[in-house]
Amino acid sequence: SAPVNALRDLADGQPWSMTMPDGRNARLTLLGDGKAVLQAGPMSMNPSWRATAEGMCLTMPMGGERCVTLRRDGAAIVAIAADGSRGFRLSR
């Protein structure tokens, strides 16, 4: 499927439902200035992010940067890790 432009396609300030590979759910909101809000249950974090040619990189507080390739899967967007494993899934 076609690559996803994170800045154009995702960073609209509206929350995305984020499903982790283990089934846990969170909400991810990407802002156009490289800031984000990640809410998982009662916990809220403010990672930073940047668009890449094939997807995006997220930097978690005290967690380091992780980059993924983003692909469309119907109406959803799926993250693929560098080792080819499936990462999180974003949907609305």
N, C-alpha and C. Protein backbone atom coordinates (compact mmCIF):
# COMPACT_ATOMS: atom_id res chain seq x y z
N SER A 1 0.84 -1.20 0.00
CA SER A 1 0.00 0.00 0.00
C SER A 1 0.87 1.25 0.00
N ALA A 2 0.26 2.36 -0.26
CA ALA A 2 0.99 3.62 -0.39
C ALA A 2 1.54 4.09 0.95
N PRO A 3 2.73 4.71 0.93
CA PRO A 3 3.26 5.27 2.17
C PRO A 3 2.33 6.35 2.71
N VAL A 4 2.43 6.58 4.00
CA VAL A 4 1.62 7.59 4.67
C VAL A 4 2.53 8.77 5.01
N ASN A 5 2.10 9.96 4.68
CA ASN A 5 2.82 11.16 5.05
C ASN A 5 2.32 11.58 6.44
N ALA A 6 3.13 11.36 7.46
CA ALA A 6 2.68 11.58 8.84
C ALA A 6 2.24 13.02 9.08
N LEU A 7 2.98 13.97 8.54
CA LEU A 7 2.64 15.37 8.78
C LEU A 7 1.31 15.72 8.11
N ARG A 8 1.14 15.30 6.88
CA ARG A 8 -0.07 15.64 6.13
C ARG A 8 -1.27 14.81 6.59
N ASP A 9 -1.05 13.49 6.81
CA ASP A 9 -2.16 12.56 7.02
C ASP A 9 -2.55 12.35 8.48
N LEU A 10 -1.64 12.60 9.41
CA LEU A 10 -1.91 12.25 10.81
C LEU A 10 -1.91 13.42 11.77
N ALA A 11 -1.13 14.46 11.48
CA ALA A 11 -0.90 15.53 12.46
C ALA A 11 -1.95 16.62 12.33
N ASP A 12 -3.21 16.26 12.64
CA ASP A 12 -4.29 17.23 12.52
C ASP A 12 -4.84 17.67 13.88
N GLY A 13 -4.17 17.26 14.97
CA GLY A 13 -4.60 17.68 16.29
C GLY A 13 -5.80 16.92 16.82
N GLN A 14 -6.28 15.91 16.08
CA GLN A 14 -7.41 15.09 16.52
C GLN A 14 -6.88 13.74 17.00
N PRO A 15 -7.48 13.16 18.04
CA PRO A 15 -6.96 11.90 18.58
C PRO A 15 -7.21 10.71 17.65
N TRP A 16 -6.23 9.83 17.60
CA TRP A 16 -6.32 8.55 16.91
C TRP A 16 -6.45 7.46 17.96
N SER A 17 -7.28 6.46 17.69
CA SER A 17 -7.30 5.26 18.53
C SER A 17 -6.08 4.44 18.14
N MET A 18 -5.29 4.07 19.13
CA MET A 18 -4.03 3.37 18.90
C MET A 18 -4.14 1.99 19.55
N THR A 19 -4.00 0.94 18.75
CA THR A 19 -4.03 -0.42 19.27
C THR A 19 -2.62 -0.99 19.18
N MET A 20 -2.09 -1.43 20.31
CA MET A 20 -0.76 -2.01 20.37
C MET A 20 -0.81 -3.47 19.90
N PRO A 21 0.34 -4.04 19.51
CA PRO A 21 0.35 -5.44 19.07
C PRO A 21 -0.19 -6.41 20.12
N ASP A 22 -0.06 -6.07 21.42
CA ASP A 22 -0.55 -6.96 22.48
C ASP A 22 -2.02 -6.72 22.82
N GLY A 23 -2.67 -5.82 22.05
CA GLY A 23 -4.10 -5.58 22.24
C GLY A 23 -4.43 -4.40 23.14
N ARG A 24 -3.43 -3.84 23.83
CA ARG A 24 -3.70 -2.66 24.66
C ARG A 24 -4.10 -1.49 23.78
N ASN A 25 -4.96 -0.63 24.33
CA ASN A 25 -5.43 0.53 23.59
C ASN A 25 -4.95 1.82 24.22
N ALA A 26 -4.74 2.81 23.36
CA ALA A 26 -4.33 4.14 23.80
C ALA A 26 -4.92 5.14 22.81
N ARG A 27 -4.68 6.41 23.09
CA ARG A 27 -5.08 7.48 22.17
C ARG A 27 -3.85 8.33 21.89
N LEU A 28 -3.60 8.56 20.61
CA LEU A 28 -2.43 9.33 20.18
C LEU A 28 -2.91 10.54 19.39
N THR A 29 -2.48 11.71 19.82
CA THR A 29 -2.78 12.95 19.10
C THR A 29 -1.46 13.55 18.65
N LEU A 30 -1.31 13.74 17.34
CA LEU A 30 -0.10 14.34 16.78
C LEU A 30 -0.39 15.78 16.40
N LEU A 31 0.47 16.67 16.83
CA LEU A 31 0.35 18.09 16.52
C LEU A 31 1.38 18.44 15.46
N GLY A 32 1.09 19.44 14.65
CA GLY A 32 1.95 19.80 13.54
C GLY A 32 3.31 20.34 13.94
N ASP A 33 3.49 20.68 15.21
CA ASP A 33 4.76 21.27 15.66
C ASP A 33 5.73 20.22 16.21
N GLY A 34 5.44 18.92 16.02
CA GLY A 34 6.34 17.87 16.50
C GLY A 34 6.04 17.42 17.91
N LYS A 35 5.00 17.96 18.51
CA LYS A 35 4.59 17.51 19.84
C LYS A 35 3.44 16.53 19.70
N ALA A 36 3.20 15.76 20.75
CA ALA A 36 2.12 14.77 20.72
C ALA A 36 1.61 14.54 22.13
N VAL A 37 0.43 13.93 22.21
CA VAL A 37 -0.14 13.50 23.49
C VAL A 37 -0.50 12.04 23.33
N LEU A 38 0.00 11.21 24.25
CA LEU A 38 -0.30 9.79 24.26
C LEU A 38 -0.99 9.48 25.58
N GLN A 39 -2.23 9.01 25.50
CA GLN A 39 -3.00 8.68 26.69
C GLN A 39 -3.28 7.18 26.70
N ALA A 40 -2.87 6.52 27.77
CA ALA A 40 -3.12 5.10 27.95
C ALA A 40 -3.73 4.93 29.33
N GLY A 41 -5.04 4.71 29.38
CA GLY A 41 -5.72 4.63 30.66
C GLY A 41 -5.57 5.95 31.39
N PRO A 42 -5.19 5.90 32.68
CA PRO A 42 -5.05 7.14 33.45
C PRO A 42 -3.73 7.87 33.18
N MET A 43 -2.83 7.24 32.43
CA MET A 43 -1.50 7.80 32.20
C MET A 43 -1.50 8.66 30.93
N SER A 44 -0.85 9.80 31.00
CA SER A 44 -0.70 10.67 29.84
C SER A 44 0.76 11.06 29.70
N MET A 45 1.29 10.96 28.48
CA MET A 45 2.68 11.33 28.21
C MET A 45 2.70 12.32 27.05
N ASN A 46 3.80 13.03 26.94
CA ASN A 46 3.97 14.00 25.87
C ASN A 46 5.22 13.68 25.06
N PRO A 47 5.14 12.67 24.18
CA PRO A 47 6.29 12.37 23.33
C PRO A 47 6.46 13.44 22.26
N SER A 48 7.60 13.42 21.63
CA SER A 48 7.80 14.25 20.44
C SER A 48 7.83 13.30 19.24
N TRP A 49 7.65 13.85 18.06
CA TRP A 49 7.65 13.01 16.87
C TRP A 49 8.17 13.81 15.69
N ARG A 50 8.57 13.09 14.66
CA ARG A 50 8.99 13.72 13.42
C ARG A 50 8.62 12.81 12.26
N ALA A 51 8.26 13.43 11.16
CA ALA A 51 7.94 12.67 9.96
C ALA A 51 9.23 12.21 9.30
N THR A 52 9.18 11.03 8.67
CA THR A 52 10.28 10.52 7.86
C THR A 52 9.72 10.23 6.46
N ALA A 53 10.58 9.89 5.54
CA ALA A 53 10.14 9.62 4.16
C ALA A 53 9.13 8.47 4.12
N GLU A 54 9.28 7.48 5.00
CA GLU A 54 8.43 6.30 4.96
C GLU A 54 7.43 6.23 6.11
N GLY A 55 7.52 7.16 7.06
CA GLY A 55 6.62 7.07 8.21
C GLY A 55 6.90 8.14 9.24
N MET A 56 7.29 7.68 10.45
CA MET A 56 7.52 8.63 11.53
C MET A 56 8.43 8.02 12.59
N CYS A 57 8.99 8.90 13.40
CA CYS A 57 9.76 8.51 14.58
C CYS A 57 9.11 9.16 15.79
N LEU A 58 8.92 8.36 16.84
CA LEU A 58 8.36 8.85 18.11
C LEU A 58 9.45 8.79 19.16
N THR A 59 9.60 9.85 19.93
CA THR A 59 10.55 9.85 21.03
C THR A 59 9.76 9.99 22.33
N MET A 60 9.80 8.93 23.13
CA MET A 60 9.07 8.92 24.39
C MET A 60 9.93 9.52 25.48
N PRO A 61 9.31 10.20 26.47
CA PRO A 61 10.09 10.69 27.60
C PRO A 61 10.81 9.50 28.27
N MET A 62 12.08 9.62 28.44
CA MET A 62 12.91 8.57 29.06
C MET A 62 12.85 7.25 28.29
N GLY A 63 12.60 7.29 26.98
CA GLY A 63 12.47 6.04 26.25
C GLY A 63 13.26 5.94 24.96
N GLY A 64 13.81 7.03 24.49
CA GLY A 64 14.54 6.97 23.24
C GLY A 64 13.62 7.01 22.03
N GLU A 65 14.23 7.19 20.86
CA GLU A 65 13.47 7.33 19.63
C GLU A 65 13.24 5.97 18.97
N ARG A 66 12.00 5.76 18.49
CA ARG A 66 11.65 4.55 17.73
C ARG A 66 10.99 4.98 16.44
N CYS A 67 11.51 4.48 15.33
CA CYS A 67 11.00 4.84 14.02
C CYS A 67 10.23 3.68 13.41
N VAL A 68 9.16 4.02 12.69
CA VAL A 68 8.33 3.00 12.04
C VAL A 68 7.99 3.47 10.63
N THR A 69 7.70 2.49 9.78
CA THR A 69 7.14 2.74 8.46
C THR A 69 5.63 2.70 8.63
N LEU A 70 4.92 3.61 8.00
CA LEU A 70 3.45 3.65 8.10
C LEU A 70 2.82 3.23 6.78
N ARG A 71 1.83 2.35 6.86
CA ARG A 71 1.12 1.86 5.68
C ARG A 71 -0.38 1.90 5.93
N ARG A 72 -1.13 2.16 4.88
CA ARG A 72 -2.59 2.12 4.98
C ARG A 72 -3.07 0.67 4.97
N ASP A 73 -4.08 0.42 5.79
CA ASP A 73 -4.75 -0.89 5.82
C ASP A 73 -6.24 -0.59 5.87
N GLY A 74 -6.85 -0.40 4.71
CA GLY A 74 -8.22 0.08 4.66
C GLY A 74 -8.27 1.50 5.20
N ALA A 75 -9.15 1.74 6.17
CA ALA A 75 -9.25 3.07 6.77
C ALA A 75 -8.22 3.28 7.88
N ALA A 76 -7.56 2.21 8.29
CA ALA A 76 -6.58 2.28 9.38
C ALA A 76 -5.18 2.52 8.83
N ILE A 77 -4.27 2.85 9.74
CA ILE A 77 -2.86 3.01 9.40
C ILE A 77 -2.07 2.10 10.33
N VAL A 78 -1.20 1.30 9.72
CA VAL A 78 -0.43 0.31 10.48
C VAL A 78 1.04 0.72 10.49
N ALA A 79 1.66 0.60 11.66
CA ALA A 79 3.09 0.88 11.81
C ALA A 79 3.87 -0.43 11.69
N ILE A 80 4.95 -0.40 10.91
CA ILE A 80 5.82 -1.55 10.74
C ILE A 80 7.19 -1.18 11.31
N ALA A 81 7.66 -1.99 12.26
CA ALA A 81 8.95 -1.72 12.90
C ALA A 81 10.10 -2.02 11.94
N ALA A 82 11.29 -1.57 12.31
CA ALA A 82 12.47 -1.73 11.45
C ALA A 82 12.76 -3.21 11.15
N ASP A 83 12.43 -4.10 12.09
CA ASP A 83 12.69 -5.53 11.87
C ASP A 83 11.58 -6.22 11.08
N GLY A 84 10.60 -5.43 10.62
CA GLY A 84 9.51 -5.98 9.83
C GLY A 84 8.30 -6.42 10.62
N SER A 85 8.40 -6.39 11.94
CA SER A 85 7.27 -6.80 12.77
C SER A 85 6.20 -5.71 12.79
N ARG A 86 4.98 -6.14 12.99
CA ARG A 86 3.86 -5.19 13.01
C ARG A 86 3.86 -4.44 14.34
N GLY A 87 3.72 -3.13 14.26
CA GLY A 87 3.66 -2.31 15.46
C GLY A 87 2.22 -1.92 15.76
N PHE A 88 2.03 -0.69 16.15
CA PHE A 88 0.70 -0.22 16.50
C PHE A 88 -0.16 0.02 15.27
N ARG A 89 -1.46 0.15 15.52
CA ARG A 89 -2.45 0.42 14.47
C ARG A 89 -3.23 1.67 14.90
N LEU A 90 -3.39 2.61 13.96
CA LEU A 90 -4.15 3.83 14.23
C LEU A 90 -5.45 3.81 13.44
N SER A 91 -6.53 4.21 14.10
CA SER A 91 -7.83 4.26 13.43
C SER A 91 -8.68 5.34 14.05
N ARG A 92 -9.74 5.70 13.34
CA ARG A 92 -10.72 6.67 13.86
C ARG A 92 -12.10 6.14 13.65
